[in-house]
């Protein structure tokens, strides 16, 4: 059951990150923010934050 909960939580986090990136992309001149958000996402994945 814990594995199922962990999977569900991971999917929710990925969906939220995708929504955030999509919202940033919609901003005028949002490319720098996209790059920064992606950098932070990769950093968090590597360091398990």
PDB file of N, CA and C in Angstrom:
ATOM      1  N   UNK A   1       0.833  -1.200   0.000  1.00  0.00           N
ATOM      2  CA  UNK A   1       0.000   0.000   0.000  1.00  0.00           C
ATOM      3  C   UNK A   1       0.876   1.262   0.000  1.00  0.00           C
ATOM      4  N   UNK A   2       1.982   1.202   0.762  1.00  0.00           N
ATOM      5  CA  UNK A   2       2.868   2.363   0.811  1.00  0.00           C
ATOM      6  C   UNK A   2       3.444   2.656  -0.572  1.00  0.00           C
ATOM      7  N   UNK A   3       3.785   1.592  -1.304  1.00  0.00           N
ATOM      8  CA  UNK A   3       4.337   1.784  -2.650  1.00  0.00           C
ATOM      9  C   UNK A   3       3.325   2.479  -3.548  1.00  0.00           C
ATOM     10  N   UNK A   4       2.062   2.112  -3.394  1.00  0.00           N
ATOM     11  CA  UNK A   4       1.004   2.741  -4.192  1.00  0.00           C
ATOM     12  C   UNK A   4       0.875   4.219  -3.839  1.00  0.00           C
ATOM     13  N   UNK A   5       0.933   4.524  -2.545  1.00  0.00           N
ATOM     14  CA  UNK A   5       0.864   5.922  -2.110  1.00  0.00           C
ATOM     15  C   UNK A   5       2.054   6.719  -2.622  1.00  0.00           C
ATOM     16  N   UNK A   6       3.242   6.115  -2.566  1.00  0.00           N
ATOM     17  CA  UNK A   6       4.444   6.786  -3.065  1.00  0.00           C
ATOM     18  C   UNK A   6       4.335   7.061  -4.558  1.00  0.00           C
ATOM     19  N   UNK A   7       3.831   6.070  -5.296  1.00  0.00           N
ATOM     20  CA  UNK A   7       3.650   6.241  -6.735  1.00  0.00           C
ATOM     21  C   UNK A   7       2.671   7.373  -7.025  1.00  0.00           C
ATOM     22  N   UNK A   8       1.565   7.386  -6.287  1.00  0.00           N
ATOM     23  CA  UNK A   8       0.555   8.429  -6.482  1.00  0.00           C
ATOM     24  C   UNK A   8       1.142   9.811  -6.196  1.00  0.00           C
ATOM     25  N   UNK A   9       1.903   9.911  -5.116  1.00  0.00           N
ATOM     26  CA  UNK A   9       2.526  11.186  -4.752  1.00  0.00           C
ATOM     27  C   UNK A   9       3.522  11.633  -5.820  1.00  0.00           C
ATOM     28  N   UNK A  10       4.317  10.705  -6.326  1.00  0.00           N
ATOM     29  CA  UNK A  10       5.290  11.034  -7.372  1.00  0.00           C
ATOM     30  C   UNK A  10       4.585  11.520  -8.632  1.00  0.00           C
ATOM     31  N   UNK A  11       3.478  10.873  -8.977  1.00  0.00           N
ATOM     32  CA  UNK A  11       2.729  11.292 -10.167  1.00  0.00           C
ATOM     33  C   UNK A  11       2.155  12.692  -9.977  1.00  0.00           C
ATOM     34  N   UNK A  12       1.655  12.982  -8.776  1.00  0.00           N
ATOM     35  CA  UNK A  12       1.125  14.317  -8.499  1.00  0.00           C
ATOM     36  C   UNK A  12       2.222  15.368  -8.609  1.00  0.00           C
ATOM     37  N   UNK A  13       3.403  15.063  -8.095  1.00  0.00           N
ATOM     38  CA  UNK A  13       4.512  16.017  -8.167  1.00  0.00           C
ATOM     39  C   UNK A  13       4.915  16.266  -9.611  1.00  0.00           C
ATOM     40  N   UNK A  14       4.960  15.206 -10.422  1.00  0.00           N
ATOM     41  CA  UNK A  14       5.323  15.373 -11.827  1.00  0.00           C
ATOM     42  C   UNK A  14       4.279  16.201 -12.559  1.00  0.00           C
ATOM     43  N   UNK A  15       2.994  15.962 -12.242  1.00  0.00           N
ATOM     44  CA  UNK A  15       1.927  16.750 -12.868  1.00  0.00           C
ATOM     45  C   UNK A  15       2.048  18.222 -12.491  1.00  0.00           C
ATOM     46  N   UNK A  16       2.330  18.491 -11.217  1.00  0.00           N
ATOM     47  CA  UNK A  16       2.476  19.874 -10.763  1.00  0.00           C
ATOM     48  C   UNK A  16       3.661  20.545 -11.451  1.00  0.00           C
ATOM     49  N   UNK A  17       4.763  19.822 -11.589  1.00  0.00           N
ATOM     50  CA  UNK A  17       5.940  20.376 -12.265  1.00  0.00           C
ATOM     51  C   UNK A  17       5.627  20.667 -13.722  1.00  0.00           C
ATOM     52  N   UNK A  18       4.889  19.772 -14.361  1.00  0.00           N
ATOM     53  CA  UNK A  18       4.525  19.969 -15.763  1.00  0.00           C
ATOM     54  C   UNK A  18       3.628  21.202 -15.913  1.00  0.00           C
ATOM     55  N   UNK A  19       2.670  21.343 -14.973  1.00  0.00           N
ATOM     56  CA  UNK A  19       1.794  22.528 -15.007  1.00  0.00           C
ATOM     57  C   UNK A  19       2.604  23.803 -14.831  1.00  0.00           C
ATOM     58  N   UNK A  20       3.582  23.761 -13.911  1.00  0.00           N
ATOM     59  CA  UNK A  20       4.417  24.937 -13.655  1.00  0.00           C
ATOM     60  C   UNK A  20       5.217  25.303 -14.904  1.00  0.00           C
ATOM     61  N   UNK A  21       5.819  24.304 -15.547  1.00  0.00           N
ATOM     62  CA  UNK A  21       6.606  24.584 -16.754  1.00  0.00           C
ATOM     63  C   UNK A  21       5.722  25.119 -17.867  1.00  0.00           C
ATOM     64  N   UNK A  22       4.521  24.568 -17.992  1.00  0.00           N
ATOM     65  CA  UNK A  22       3.599  25.029 -19.027  1.00  0.00           C
ATOM     66  C   UNK A  22       3.193  26.487 -18.765  1.00  0.00           C
ATOM     67  N   UNK A  23       2.951  26.811 -17.493  1.00  0.00           N
ATOM     68  CA  UNK A  23       2.575  28.182 -17.142  1.00  0.00           C
ATOM     69  C   UNK A  23       3.726  29.147 -17.429  1.00  0.00           C
ATOM     70  N   UNK A  24       4.945  28.739 -17.109  1.00  0.00           N
ATOM     71  CA  UNK A  24       6.103  29.594 -17.375  1.00  0.00           C
ATOM     72  C   UNK A  24       6.281  29.818 -18.870  1.00  0.00           C
ATOM     73  N   UNK A  25       6.042  28.769 -19.652  1.00  0.00           N
ATOM     74  CA  UNK A  25       6.195  28.878 -21.098  1.00  0.00           C
ATOM     75  C   UNK A  25       5.203  29.878 -21.680  1.00  0.00           C
ATOM     76  N   UNK A  26       4.045  30.019 -21.026  1.00  0.00           N
ATOM     77  CA  UNK A  26       3.007  30.919 -21.522  1.00  0.00           C
ATOM     78  C   UNK A  26       3.344  32.386 -21.252  1.00  0.00           C
ATOM     79  N   UNK A  27       4.268  32.630 -20.329  1.00  0.00           N
ATOM     80  CA  UNK A  27       4.628  34.013 -20.011  1.00  0.00           C
ATOM     81  C   UNK A  27       5.445  34.623 -21.143  1.00  0.00           C
ATOM     82  N   UNK A  28       5.272  35.918 -21.378  1.00  0.00           N
ATOM     83  CA  UNK A  28       6.143  36.565 -22.362  1.00  0.00           C
ATOM     84  C   UNK A  28       7.575  36.581 -21.832  1.00  0.00           C
ATOM     85  N   UNK A  29       8.502  36.162 -22.662  1.00  0.00           N
ATOM     86  CA  UNK A  29       9.901  36.112 -22.234  1.00  0.00           C
ATOM     87  C   UNK A  29      10.142  35.102 -21.137  1.00  0.00           C
ATOM     88  N   UNK A  30       9.347  34.045 -21.105  1.00  0.00           N
ATOM     89  CA  UNK A  30       9.450  33.062 -20.036  1.00  0.00           C
ATOM     90  C   UNK A  30      10.549  32.037 -20.217  1.00  0.00           C
ATOM     91  N   UNK A  31      11.376  32.188 -21.235  1.00  0.00           N
ATOM     92  CA  UNK A  31      12.395  31.168 -21.512  1.00  0.00           C
ATOM     93  C   UNK A  31      13.420  31.072 -20.390  1.00  0.00           C
ATOM     94  N   UNK A  32      13.880  32.200 -19.860  1.00  0.00           N
ATOM     95  CA  UNK A  32      14.860  32.159 -18.772  1.00  0.00           C
ATOM     96  C   UNK A  32      14.278  31.460 -17.550  1.00  0.00           C
ATOM     97  N   UNK A  33      13.002  31.736 -17.269  1.00  0.00           N
ATOM     98  CA  UNK A  33      12.348  31.090 -16.136  1.00  0.00           C
ATOM     99  C   UNK A  33      12.233  29.581 -16.365  1.00  0.00           C
ATOM    100  N   UNK A  34      11.979  29.194 -17.606  1.00  0.00           N
ATOM    101  CA  UNK A  34      11.870  27.763 -17.932  1.00  0.00           C
ATOM    102  C   UNK A  34      13.204  27.077 -17.684  1.00  0.00           C
ATOM    103  N   UNK A  35      14.272  27.694 -18.166  1.00  0.00           N
ATOM    104  CA  UNK A  35      15.611  27.120 -17.981  1.00  0.00           C
ATOM    105  C   UNK A  35      15.920  27.002 -16.491  1.00  0.00           C
ATOM    106  N   UNK A  36      15.611  28.040 -15.723  1.00  0.00           N
ATOM    107  CA  UNK A  36      15.868  28.025 -14.283  1.00  0.00           C
ATOM    108  C   UNK A  36      15.028  26.952 -13.592  1.00  0.00           C
ATOM    109  N   UNK A  37      13.761  26.848 -13.955  1.00  0.00           N
ATOM    110  CA  UNK A  37      12.889  25.840 -13.350  1.00  0.00           C
ATOM    111  C   UNK A  37      13.389  24.437 -13.668  1.00  0.00           C
ATOM    112  N   UNK A  38      13.832  24.230 -14.885  1.00  0.00           N
ATOM    113  CA  UNK A  38      14.351  22.917 -15.283  1.00  0.00           C
ATOM    114  C   UNK A  38      15.635  22.598 -14.518  1.00  0.00           C
ATOM    115  N   UNK A  39      16.497  23.602 -14.355  1.00  0.00           N
ATOM    116  CA  UNK A  39      17.732  23.404 -13.603  1.00  0.00           C
ATOM    117  C   UNK A  39      17.416  23.008 -12.158  1.00  0.00           C
ATOM    118  N   UNK A  40      16.459  23.714 -11.550  1.00  0.00           N
ATOM    119  CA  UNK A  40      16.074  23.401 -10.176  1.00  0.00           C
ATOM    120  C   UNK A  40      15.458  22.011 -10.074  1.00  0.00           C
ATOM    121  N   UNK A  41      14.654  21.636 -11.073  1.00  0.00           N
ATOM    122  CA  UNK A  41      14.011  20.325 -11.074  1.00  0.00           C
ATOM    123  C   UNK A  41      15.067  19.216 -11.121  1.00  0.00           C
ATOM    124  N   UNK A  42      16.060  19.396 -11.983  1.00  0.00           N
ATOM    125  CA  UNK A  42      17.125  18.398 -12.104  1.00  0.00           C
ATOM    126  C   UNK A  42      17.938  18.337 -10.811  1.00  0.00           C
ATOM    127  N   UNK A  43      18.236  19.498 -10.231  1.00  0.00           N
ATOM    128  CA  UNK A  43      18.983  19.546  -8.977  1.00  0.00           C
ATOM    129  C   UNK A  43      18.225  18.793  -7.885  1.00  0.00           C
ATOM    130  N   UNK A  44      16.905  19.044  -7.778  1.00  0.00           N
ATOM    131  CA  UNK A  44      16.101  18.364  -6.758  1.00  0.00           C
ATOM    132  C   UNK A  44      16.082  16.858  -6.984  1.00  0.00           C
ATOM    133  N   UNK A  45      16.014  16.441  -8.243  1.00  0.00           N
ATOM    134  CA  UNK A  45      15.992  15.007  -8.543  1.00  0.00           C
ATOM    135  C   UNK A  45      17.320  14.363  -8.129  1.00  0.00           C
ATOM    136  N   UNK A  46      18.426  15.028  -8.441  1.00  0.00           N
ATOM    137  CA  UNK A  46      19.746  14.473  -8.118  1.00  0.00           C
ATOM    138  C   UNK A  46      19.942  14.398  -6.605  1.00  0.00           C
ATOM    139  N   UNK A  47      19.514  15.445  -5.901  1.00  0.00           N
ATOM    140  CA  UNK A  47      19.756  15.528  -4.463  1.00  0.00           C
ATOM    141  C   UNK A  47      18.568  15.068  -3.636  1.00  0.00           C
ATOM    142  N   UNK A  48      17.553  14.524  -4.284  1.00  0.00           N
ATOM    143  CA  UNK A  48      16.366  13.982  -3.598  1.00  0.00           C
ATOM    144  C   UNK A  48      15.720  14.982  -2.648  1.00  0.00           C
ATOM    145  N   UNK A  49      15.563  16.219  -3.093  1.00  0.00           N
ATOM    146  CA  UNK A  49      14.923  17.249  -2.273  1.00  0.00           C
ATOM    147  C   UNK A  49      13.433  17.284  -2.564  1.00  0.00           C
TER     148      UNK A  49
END
